[in-house]
Amino acid sequence: MENKQDGQLSNRITVLRAEKKMTQKDLAKKAGVSRQTILSIEKNKYTPSLTLAFEIANVFGVGIDEVFQYHIPEGGES
């Protein structure tokens, strides 16, 4: 049996985009990626690199922890 912590990464990109009246295409252009990449990150189907995560946070003018959250389910400690 594997002794692994399966945490989950979530994000607030959709909310932050709405606050800034920004489309996925706008964010993608500013972050230097495709709209499909932004869509996949928003839907938690793709985990961005640390560099891209910081770039997205910079576009919104907030800290990375205001965009992305990492949660470890209770009982997930080794």
N, C-alpha and C. Protein backbone atom coordinates (compact mmCIF):
# COMPACT_ATOMS: atom_id res chain seq x y z
N MET A 1 0.84 -1.19 0.00
CA MET A 1 0.00 0.00 0.00
C MET A 1 0.89 1.25 0.00
N GLU A 2 0.56 2.18 -0.86
CA GLU A 2 1.34 3.39 -1.00
C GLU A 2 1.04 4.36 0.14
N ASN A 3 2.07 4.98 0.67
CA ASN A 3 1.93 5.96 1.74
C ASN A 3 2.11 7.35 1.13
N LYS A 4 1.08 7.86 0.51
CA LYS A 4 1.16 9.09 -0.26
C LYS A 4 0.05 10.06 0.13
N GLN A 5 0.39 11.35 0.11
CA GLN A 5 -0.62 12.37 0.37
C GLN A 5 -1.18 12.84 -0.96
N ASP A 6 -2.46 12.67 -1.15
CA ASP A 6 -3.09 13.11 -2.39
C ASP A 6 -3.82 14.42 -2.13
N GLY A 7 -3.07 15.51 -2.26
CA GLY A 7 -3.68 16.82 -2.08
C GLY A 7 -4.34 17.28 -3.36
N GLN A 8 -5.16 18.30 -3.23
CA GLN A 8 -5.85 18.84 -4.39
C GLN A 8 -5.55 20.31 -4.53
N LEU A 9 -5.26 20.71 -5.77
CA LEU A 9 -5.02 22.10 -6.09
C LEU A 9 -6.31 22.70 -6.62
N SER A 10 -6.71 23.82 -6.06
CA SER A 10 -7.89 24.52 -6.57
C SER A 10 -7.46 25.95 -6.90
N ASN A 11 -8.32 26.66 -7.61
CA ASN A 11 -7.95 28.02 -7.98
C ASN A 11 -9.17 28.93 -8.03
N ARG A 12 -8.89 30.23 -8.04
CA ARG A 12 -9.93 31.25 -8.08
C ARG A 12 -9.84 32.08 -9.37
N ILE A 13 -9.30 31.48 -10.41
CA ILE A 13 -9.08 32.23 -11.66
C ILE A 13 -10.39 32.77 -12.22
N THR A 14 -11.43 31.97 -12.25
CA THR A 14 -12.71 32.42 -12.80
C THR A 14 -13.23 33.65 -12.05
N VAL A 15 -13.15 33.61 -10.73
CA VAL A 15 -13.61 34.72 -9.90
C VAL A 15 -12.75 35.97 -10.15
N LEU A 16 -11.43 35.78 -10.17
CA LEU A 16 -10.54 36.91 -10.38
C LEU A 16 -10.72 37.52 -11.77
N ARG A 17 -10.94 36.68 -12.76
CA ARG A 17 -11.18 37.19 -14.11
C ARG A 17 -12.46 38.04 -14.15
N ALA A 18 -13.50 37.54 -13.48
CA ALA A 18 -14.77 38.27 -13.44
C ALA A 18 -14.59 39.62 -12.76
N GLU A 19 -13.85 39.65 -11.67
CA GLU A 19 -13.61 40.90 -10.95
C GLU A 19 -12.89 41.92 -11.84
N LYS A 20 -11.99 41.43 -12.69
CA LYS A 20 -11.20 42.31 -13.57
C LYS A 20 -11.85 42.49 -14.94
N LYS A 21 -13.04 41.87 -15.13
CA LYS A 21 -13.73 41.91 -16.42
C LYS A 21 -12.79 41.45 -17.54
N MET A 22 -12.16 40.32 -17.30
CA MET A 22 -11.15 39.78 -18.20
C MET A 22 -11.63 38.44 -18.77
N THR A 23 -11.46 38.25 -20.07
CA THR A 23 -11.81 36.97 -20.68
C THR A 23 -10.66 35.98 -20.53
N GLN A 24 -10.95 34.71 -20.81
CA GLN A 24 -9.88 33.71 -20.81
C GLN A 24 -8.81 34.09 -21.83
N LYS A 25 -9.25 34.60 -22.96
CA LYS A 25 -8.31 35.00 -24.01
C LYS A 25 -7.42 36.15 -23.53
N ASP A 26 -8.00 37.12 -22.82
CA ASP A 26 -7.21 38.24 -22.27
C ASP A 26 -6.13 37.73 -21.32
N LEU A 27 -6.55 36.87 -20.40
CA LEU A 27 -5.61 36.33 -19.42
C LEU A 27 -4.53 35.51 -20.11
N ALA A 28 -4.93 34.69 -21.06
CA ALA A 28 -3.97 33.85 -21.78
C ALA A 28 -2.90 34.70 -22.46
N LYS A 29 -3.34 35.77 -23.12
CA LYS A 29 -2.41 36.64 -23.82
C LYS A 29 -1.41 37.26 -22.84
N LYS A 30 -1.91 37.75 -21.72
CA LYS A 30 -1.05 38.39 -20.72
C LYS A 30 -0.11 37.40 -20.04
N ALA A 31 -0.55 36.15 -19.91
CA ALA A 31 0.28 35.12 -19.26
C ALA A 31 1.17 34.38 -20.26
N GLY A 32 0.94 34.61 -21.55
CA GLY A 32 1.78 33.99 -22.57
C GLY A 32 1.45 32.53 -22.85
N VAL A 33 0.18 32.17 -22.69
CA VAL A 33 -0.26 30.80 -22.97
C VAL A 33 -1.52 30.83 -23.82
N SER A 34 -2.03 29.66 -24.19
CA SER A 34 -3.25 29.60 -24.99
C SER A 34 -4.50 29.72 -24.11
N ARG A 35 -5.61 30.08 -24.73
CA ARG A 35 -6.88 30.14 -24.00
C ARG A 35 -7.24 28.76 -23.47
N GLN A 36 -6.91 27.72 -24.24
CA GLN A 36 -7.20 26.35 -23.82
C GLN A 36 -6.45 25.99 -22.54
N THR A 37 -5.23 26.51 -22.39
CA THR A 37 -4.46 26.27 -21.17
C THR A 37 -5.17 26.90 -19.98
N ILE A 38 -5.63 28.13 -20.13
CA ILE A 38 -6.35 28.81 -19.05
C ILE A 38 -7.61 28.03 -18.70
N LEU A 39 -8.36 27.62 -19.71
CA LEU A 39 -9.58 26.83 -19.49
C LEU A 39 -9.27 25.56 -18.70
N SER A 40 -8.22 24.85 -19.08
CA SER A 40 -7.86 23.60 -18.40
C SER A 40 -7.45 23.84 -16.95
N ILE A 41 -6.73 24.93 -16.71
CA ILE A 41 -6.33 25.25 -15.33
C ILE A 41 -7.57 25.60 -14.51
N GLU A 42 -8.45 26.43 -15.06
CA GLU A 42 -9.67 26.82 -14.34
C GLU A 42 -10.50 25.61 -13.94
N LYS A 43 -10.57 24.62 -14.81
CA LYS A 43 -11.38 23.43 -14.55
C LYS A 43 -10.62 22.34 -13.80
N ASN A 44 -9.41 22.69 -13.32
CA ASN A 44 -8.56 21.76 -12.56
C ASN A 44 -8.23 20.48 -13.34
N LYS A 45 -8.12 20.61 -14.66
CA LYS A 45 -7.73 19.48 -15.50
C LYS A 45 -6.24 19.52 -15.81
N TYR A 46 -5.62 20.64 -15.50
CA TYR A 46 -4.19 20.83 -15.77
C TYR A 46 -3.59 21.62 -14.62
N THR A 47 -2.47 21.15 -14.11
CA THR A 47 -1.76 21.84 -13.04
C THR A 47 -0.65 22.68 -13.68
N PRO A 48 -0.70 23.99 -13.49
CA PRO A 48 0.32 24.83 -14.12
C PRO A 48 1.68 24.66 -13.46
N SER A 49 2.72 24.99 -14.20
CA SER A 49 4.06 25.02 -13.62
C SER A 49 4.09 26.13 -12.56
N LEU A 50 5.05 26.08 -11.71
CA LEU A 50 5.18 27.11 -10.68
C LEU A 50 5.38 28.47 -11.33
N THR A 51 6.17 28.51 -12.39
CA THR A 51 6.41 29.77 -13.11
C THR A 51 5.11 30.33 -13.67
N LEU A 52 4.31 29.48 -14.31
CA LEU A 52 3.03 29.95 -14.87
C LEU A 52 2.08 30.38 -13.77
N ALA A 53 2.07 29.66 -12.66
CA ALA A 53 1.20 30.04 -11.55
C ALA A 53 1.55 31.44 -11.04
N PHE A 54 2.85 31.73 -10.92
CA PHE A 54 3.27 33.06 -10.49
C PHE A 54 2.92 34.10 -11.56
N GLU A 55 3.05 33.74 -12.83
CA GLU A 55 2.73 34.68 -13.91
C GLU A 55 1.24 35.04 -13.87
N ILE A 56 0.38 34.06 -13.66
CA ILE A 56 -1.06 34.31 -13.57
C ILE A 56 -1.36 35.22 -12.38
N ALA A 57 -0.74 34.94 -11.24
CA ALA A 57 -0.93 35.80 -10.06
C ALA A 57 -0.48 37.23 -10.35
N ASN A 58 0.65 37.37 -11.05
CA ASN A 58 1.16 38.70 -11.39
C ASN A 58 0.19 39.46 -12.29
N VAL A 59 -0.44 38.76 -13.23
CA VAL A 59 -1.42 39.41 -14.11
C VAL A 59 -2.55 40.02 -13.28
N PHE A 60 -2.96 39.30 -12.24
CA PHE A 60 -4.05 39.79 -11.38
C PHE A 60 -3.56 40.77 -10.32
N GLY A 61 -2.24 40.87 -10.14
CA GLY A 61 -1.69 41.78 -9.14
C GLY A 61 -1.89 41.30 -7.72
N VAL A 62 -1.91 39.97 -7.54
CA VAL A 62 -2.11 39.38 -6.21
C VAL A 62 -1.04 38.33 -5.96
N GLY A 63 -0.97 37.86 -4.72
CA GLY A 63 -0.05 36.79 -4.38
C GLY A 63 -0.54 35.46 -4.93
N ILE A 64 0.38 34.55 -5.15
CA ILE A 64 0.03 33.24 -5.70
C ILE A 64 -0.99 32.51 -4.83
N ASP A 65 -0.91 32.72 -3.52
CA ASP A 65 -1.85 32.05 -2.60
C ASP A 65 -3.26 32.62 -2.67
N GLU A 66 -3.43 33.76 -3.35
CA GLU A 66 -4.78 34.29 -3.57
C GLU A 66 -5.42 33.72 -4.83
N VAL A 67 -4.60 33.06 -5.64
CA VAL A 67 -5.10 32.45 -6.87
C VAL A 67 -5.23 30.94 -6.71
N PHE A 68 -4.21 30.33 -6.13
CA PHE A 68 -4.17 28.87 -6.00
C PHE A 68 -4.14 28.45 -4.53
N GLN A 69 -4.87 27.37 -4.23
CA GLN A 69 -4.89 26.80 -2.89
C GLN A 69 -4.60 25.30 -3.01
N TYR A 70 -3.84 24.79 -2.07
CA TYR A 70 -3.53 23.36 -2.04
C TYR A 70 -4.11 22.78 -0.76
N HIS A 71 -4.94 21.77 -0.92
CA HIS A 71 -5.63 21.17 0.22
C HIS A 71 -5.26 19.70 0.35
N ILE A 72 -4.91 19.28 1.56
CA ILE A 72 -4.68 17.87 1.83
C ILE A 72 -5.89 17.38 2.61
N PRO A 73 -6.57 16.34 2.10
CA PRO A 73 -7.75 15.85 2.80
C PRO A 73 -7.42 15.40 4.23
N GLU A 74 -8.37 15.57 5.14
CA GLU A 74 -8.15 15.13 6.52
C GLU A 74 -7.84 13.65 6.53
N GLY A 75 -6.93 13.27 7.42
CA GLY A 75 -6.52 11.89 7.50
C GLY A 75 -5.50 11.55 6.44
N GLY A 76 -5.03 12.54 5.68
CA GLY A 76 -4.07 12.32 4.61
C GLY A 76 -2.63 12.35 5.06
N GLU A 77 -2.42 12.56 6.38
CA GLU A 77 -1.04 12.62 6.86
C GLU A 77 -0.47 11.23 7.00
N SER A 78 0.82 11.12 6.74
CA SER A 78 1.50 9.82 6.82
C SER A 78 1.78 9.45 8.26
